[in-house]
Protein backbone atom coordinates (compact mmCIF):
# COMPACT_ATOMS: atom_id res chain seq x y z
CA MET A 1 5.49 -10.82 8.27
CA ALA A 2 6.27 -11.75 4.65
CA VAL A 3 8.17 -9.11 2.69
CA LYS A 4 8.48 -8.58 -1.06
CA ILE A 5 10.83 -6.31 -2.97
CA ARG A 6 8.59 -4.72 -5.59
CA LEU A 7 7.85 -1.60 -7.64
CA ALA A 8 5.67 1.27 -6.43
CA ARG A 9 4.40 3.51 -9.24
CA HIS A 10 4.77 7.28 -9.02
CA GLY A 11 4.78 10.05 -11.59
CA ALA A 12 2.08 11.56 -13.76
CA LYS A 13 -0.36 9.86 -16.10
CA LYS A 14 1.52 8.24 -19.03
CA LYS A 15 4.85 9.25 -17.44
CA PRO A 16 5.62 6.48 -14.97
CA PHE A 17 8.41 6.57 -12.45
CA TYR A 18 8.92 3.66 -10.09
CA ARG A 19 10.45 3.26 -6.65
CA ILE A 20 11.90 -0.11 -5.73
CA VAL A 21 10.63 -0.78 -2.21
CA ALA A 22 10.53 -3.45 0.46
CA ALA A 23 6.89 -3.87 1.45
CA ASP A 24 4.66 -6.24 3.34
CA ILE A 25 2.83 -8.61 0.99
CA GLU A 26 -0.57 -7.42 2.24
CA SER A 27 0.01 -3.69 1.65
CA PRO A 28 -1.30 -2.17 -1.61
CA ARG A 29 1.04 -1.50 -4.56
CA ASP A 30 1.47 2.22 -3.90
CA GLY A 31 0.74 1.98 -0.20
CA ARG A 32 2.94 1.85 2.84
CA SER A 33 6.43 0.45 2.36
CA LEU A 34 9.07 -0.58 4.85
CA GLU A 35 12.02 1.00 3.03
CA ARG A 36 12.95 2.57 -0.31
CA LEU A 37 15.65 0.53 -2.01
CA GLY A 38 16.09 2.34 -5.31
CA THR A 39 14.42 3.86 -8.36
CA TYR A 40 13.56 2.85 -11.92
CA ASP A 41 12.86 5.40 -14.67
CA PRO A 42 11.67 3.69 -17.89
CA MET A 43 10.96 6.98 -19.72
CA VAL A 44 14.57 7.84 -20.59
CA ASP A 45 16.60 5.95 -23.16
CA PRO A 46 18.34 3.87 -21.90
CA SER A 47 16.21 3.36 -18.79
CA VAL A 48 17.83 4.31 -15.49
CA VAL A 49 17.98 1.94 -12.50
CA GLU A 50 19.51 3.08 -9.22
CA LEU A 51 19.89 0.60 -6.35
CA LYS A 52 20.96 0.56 -2.73
CA GLU A 53 22.68 -2.82 -3.10
CA ASP A 54 23.62 -3.20 0.56
CA ARG A 55 20.01 -2.71 1.69
CA ILE A 56 18.69 -5.09 -0.99
CA ARG A 57 21.14 -7.74 0.25
CA TYR A 58 19.98 -7.10 3.81
CA TRP A 59 16.31 -7.60 2.93
CA MET A 60 17.03 -10.70 0.86
CA ASN A 61 18.99 -12.16 3.78
CA GLU A 62 15.96 -11.45 5.97
CA GLY A 63 13.80 -13.53 3.62
CA ALA A 64 12.35 -10.92 1.26
CA THR A 65 11.64 -12.17 -2.26
CA PRO A 66 11.83 -9.88 -5.31
CA THR A 67 9.00 -9.86 -7.84
CA THR A 68 9.79 -11.06 -11.36
CA THR A 69 10.07 -7.49 -12.67
CA VAL A 70 12.44 -6.44 -9.90
CA LYS A 71 14.43 -9.65 -10.35
CA SER A 72 14.94 -8.81 -14.04
CA LEU A 73 16.00 -5.24 -13.16
CA LEU A 74 18.50 -6.57 -10.63
CA LYS A 75 19.86 -8.99 -13.21
CA LYS A 76 20.24 -6.18 -15.79
CA LYS A 77 22.13 -4.11 -13.24
CA GLY A 78 24.50 -7.01 -12.53
CA PHE A 79 23.24 -7.74 -9.02
CA SER A 80 23.46 -11.45 -8.33
CA SER A 81 21.16 -13.01 -5.76
CA ASP A 82 23.83 -15.67 -5.13
CA SER A 83 25.97 -13.14 -3.30
CA ALA A 84 23.10 -12.28 -0.94
C-alpha cells in the first residue's frame, strides 16, 4: 500500500480549513485517511500550521511521501525531512 501525506479540505464554502493526513494514494482527497497528522488554517494572518512531528517522522520512515504543498508547509515550520 502506497501512502501519501496530503491535505484534506474541511470547513465551509470560501472558508477552507485543512487537515494534514496520511492516506492511501487511491483514496479520494476528503475520503478515508489512515491518521491525522496536523492542521493548516490559511484564513488567519499569519496562517497557522500545527503538526504531530513524531507521527510525521514515523510515516516518512515507513515510506510515505508528502505532496508538494505539504512539503512546503513542513519546510516553513522548520521540519527537515533529513532528520526522518
